[in-house]
Amino acid sequence: MNNLMGMAPRHPGLWADLDSSLKRGDSNTISTTASSTQGKQELQALTPELARLSQQGQWVVLISPPNIGYKQMLADGGVRMDRILLVHTKDEVETLWAMEKALTSGTSSAVICWAQTLDARDSRRLQIVAKNTRALGVVIEDANGHLPAKAFSQKDLGGQTMSLFSSLH
């Protein structure tokens, strides 16, 4: 087959050499993690890898990050702050669209987004997008995303808790 193709250019996504991409460590998957700390611990764990990737001169894209002190955390971890691209979105659809575009742009070495819980369709779509990218992709889901938006006070829960425990006796 190589004789037929000769020195013809290859399409970068469709005809990529699998052996060389595995040697480089490209995983072509999107990592999804649920976080109860708004992603602070997960971002802290990723900081050494982000520092390494930021030295390559491509963008490290943060999509809809919460106010968790990520700027100081990344700077302290050695991440080049001039390679950080912040994207603020207005809703979940726009967040996932921005992640897809950042992953497929070819100018990003890492794309991290904060989102509510992904459904199977959105997760599958991101996995398909990841097959054609060389960037690290991470979705940090809100572990409390399934809870109602209204926060209950202890006074609101007090009567329910008492009745729950009284039924055990």
Protein backbone atom coordinates (compact mmCIF):
# COMPACT_ATOMS: atom_id res chain seq x y z
CA MET A 1 0.00 0.00 0.00
CA ASN A 2 2.86 2.38 0.71
CA ASN A 3 4.06 1.90 -2.87
CA LEU A 4 0.69 3.07 -4.14
CA MET A 5 0.62 6.15 -1.96
CA GLY A 6 4.25 7.08 -2.55
CA MET A 7 5.04 10.48 -1.14
CA ALA A 8 1.46 11.77 -1.35
CA PRO A 9 0.42 13.90 1.64
CA ARG A 10 -1.80 12.18 4.15
CA HIS A 11 -4.87 13.64 5.76
CA PRO A 12 -3.81 14.45 9.36
CA GLY A 13 -6.88 13.06 11.09
CA LEU A 14 -8.09 10.25 8.89
CA TRP A 15 -4.79 8.61 7.95
CA ALA A 16 -2.77 9.27 11.10
CA ASP A 17 -0.22 6.59 11.89
CA LEU A 18 -1.63 4.79 14.93
CA ASP A 19 1.72 3.42 16.13
CA SER A 20 3.36 6.86 16.20
CA SER A 21 0.38 8.43 17.96
CA LEU A 22 0.47 5.73 20.64
CA LYS A 23 4.21 6.30 21.13
CA ARG A 24 3.51 10.01 21.67
CA GLY A 25 0.93 9.15 24.31
CA ASP A 26 -2.13 10.45 22.48
CA SER A 27 -5.14 8.83 24.08
CA ASN A 28 -7.82 10.48 21.92
CA THR A 29 -10.38 10.32 24.68
CA ILE A 30 -12.20 12.83 26.78
CA SER A 31 -11.80 12.30 30.51
CA THR A 32 -14.90 13.03 32.53
CA THR A 33 -14.82 13.41 36.28
CA ALA A 34 -17.46 14.36 38.81
CA SER A 35 -16.36 16.89 41.39
CA SER A 36 -17.89 18.11 44.61
CA THR A 37 -15.19 20.82 44.93
CA GLN A 38 -16.05 22.61 41.66
CA GLY A 39 -13.00 20.99 40.08
CA LYS A 40 -10.40 22.53 42.37
CA GLN A 41 -8.79 19.21 43.35
CA GLU A 42 -8.98 17.90 39.78
CA LEU A 43 -7.35 21.03 38.38
CA GLN A 44 -4.65 20.82 41.05
CA ALA A 45 -3.90 17.24 39.95
CA LEU A 46 -3.73 18.34 36.29
CA THR A 47 -1.45 21.32 36.94
CA PRO A 48 1.89 19.52 36.29
CA GLU A 49 0.61 18.20 32.94
CA LEU A 50 -0.81 21.63 32.05
CA ALA A 51 2.56 23.22 32.89
CA ARG A 52 4.27 20.81 30.49
CA LEU A 53 1.68 21.37 27.76
CA SER A 54 1.78 25.16 28.11
CA GLN A 55 5.49 25.10 27.29
CA GLN A 56 4.65 23.75 23.80
CA GLY A 57 3.27 27.13 22.77
CA GLN A 58 -0.30 26.01 22.15
CA TRP A 59 -3.37 27.11 24.09
CA VAL A 60 -4.58 25.63 27.35
CA VAL A 61 -8.30 26.38 27.12
CA LEU A 62 -10.46 26.74 30.24
CA ILE A 63 -14.18 26.83 29.45
CA SER A 64 -16.55 28.26 32.06
CA PRO A 65 -14.26 27.82 35.06
CA PRO A 66 -15.81 28.66 38.43
CA ASN A 67 -14.14 31.10 40.80
CA ILE A 68 -11.90 28.58 42.59
CA GLY A 69 -8.63 30.50 42.51
CA TYR A 70 -7.46 28.72 39.36
CA LYS A 71 -5.25 31.59 38.21
CA GLN A 72 -3.01 31.48 41.25
CA MET A 73 -3.06 27.67 41.31
CA LEU A 74 -1.92 27.42 37.69
CA ALA A 75 0.70 30.15 38.04
CA ASP A 76 2.14 28.48 41.16
CA GLY A 77 2.25 25.18 39.25
CA GLY A 78 4.42 26.63 36.48
CA VAL A 79 1.78 27.01 33.79
CA ARG A 80 2.56 29.77 31.28
CA MET A 81 -0.27 32.22 31.88
CA ASP A 82 0.18 33.78 28.44
CA ARG A 83 -0.96 30.43 26.98
CA ILE A 84 -4.23 30.29 28.97
CA LEU A 85 -7.37 31.02 26.98
CA LEU A 86 -10.52 31.64 29.04
CA VAL A 87 -13.89 31.06 27.43
CA HIS A 88 -17.03 32.13 29.28
CA THR A 89 -20.27 30.69 27.98
CA LYS A 90 -23.89 31.50 28.72
CA ASP A 91 -25.32 27.96 28.85
CA GLU A 92 -24.55 24.24 28.66
CA VAL A 93 -25.04 23.99 24.89
CA GLU A 94 -22.56 26.78 24.28
CA THR A 95 -20.09 25.17 26.73
CA LEU A 96 -20.07 21.88 24.84
CA TRP A 97 -19.89 23.66 21.48
CA ALA A 98 -16.88 25.67 22.68
CA MET A 99 -15.17 22.48 23.87
CA GLU A 100 -15.75 20.79 20.53
CA LYS A 101 -14.36 23.78 18.62
CA ALA A 102 -11.33 24.13 20.90
CA LEU A 103 -10.51 20.43 20.57
CA THR A 104 -10.77 20.44 16.77
CA SER A 105 -9.00 23.77 16.21
CA GLY A 106 -5.52 22.26 16.18
CA THR A 107 -4.20 25.16 18.28
CA SER A 108 -4.93 23.74 21.74
CA SER A 109 -2.83 21.35 23.76
CA ALA A 110 -5.47 20.98 26.51
CA VAL A 111 -9.16 21.82 26.82
CA ILE A 112 -10.84 21.71 30.22
CA CYS A 113 -14.49 22.56 30.68
CA TRP A 114 -16.79 22.76 33.66
CA ALA A 115 -20.29 21.48 32.96
CA GLN A 116 -23.37 20.00 34.55
CA THR A 117 -23.79 16.25 34.21
CA LEU A 118 -23.37 15.13 30.59
CA ASP A 119 -26.02 12.91 29.06
CA ALA A 120 -25.04 9.89 26.95
CA ARG A 121 -25.54 11.77 23.67
CA ASP A 122 -23.23 14.65 24.62
CA SER A 123 -20.64 12.28 26.03
CA ARG A 124 -20.65 10.20 22.84
CA ARG A 125 -20.38 13.31 20.68
CA LEU A 126 -17.28 14.48 22.59
CA GLN A 127 -15.73 11.00 22.28
CA ILE A 128 -16.21 11.14 18.50
CA VAL A 129 -14.64 14.61 18.38
CA ALA A 130 -11.71 13.35 20.47
CA LYS A 131 -10.80 10.77 17.83
CA ASN A 132 -9.65 13.58 15.53
CA THR A 133 -7.70 15.64 18.03
CA ARG A 134 -4.34 15.56 19.74
CA ALA A 135 -5.35 17.78 22.67
CA LEU A 136 -5.99 16.65 26.22
CA GLY A 137 -9.72 16.92 26.90
CA VAL A 138 -11.24 17.00 30.39
CA VAL A 139 -14.83 17.60 31.44
CA ILE A 140 -15.31 18.42 35.11
CA GLU A 141 -18.91 17.71 35.99
CA ASP A 142 -20.73 19.18 38.95
CA ALA A 143 -21.32 16.23 41.30
CA ASN A 144 -24.16 18.19 42.88
CA GLY A 145 -25.77 18.94 39.52
CA HIS A 146 -28.63 16.53 40.11
CA LEU A 147 -29.74 18.37 43.25
CA PRO A 148 -32.43 21.04 42.98
CA ALA A 149 -31.22 24.60 42.65
CA LYS A 150 -32.97 25.66 45.87
CA ALA A 151 -30.72 25.15 48.86
CA PHE A 152 -32.49 23.84 51.94
CA SER A 153 -31.71 25.29 55.31
CA GLN A 154 -31.26 23.14 58.42
CA LYS A 155 -34.62 24.43 59.65
CA ASP A 156 -36.29 23.13 56.45
CA LEU A 157 -34.65 19.73 56.86
CA GLY A 158 -35.11 19.48 60.63
CA GLY A 159 -38.68 18.16 60.58
CA GLN A 160 -37.92 15.71 57.77
CA THR A 161 -34.86 14.36 59.57
CA MET A 162 -36.77 13.90 62.83
CA SER A 163 -39.60 12.02 61.13
CA LEU A 164 -37.11 9.87 59.22
CA PHE A 165 -35.26 8.81 62.36
CA SER A 166 -38.42 8.39 64.43
CA SER A 167 -39.68 5.81 61.94
CA LEU A 168 -36.55 3.73 62.60
CA HIS A 169 -37.32 3.28 66.32
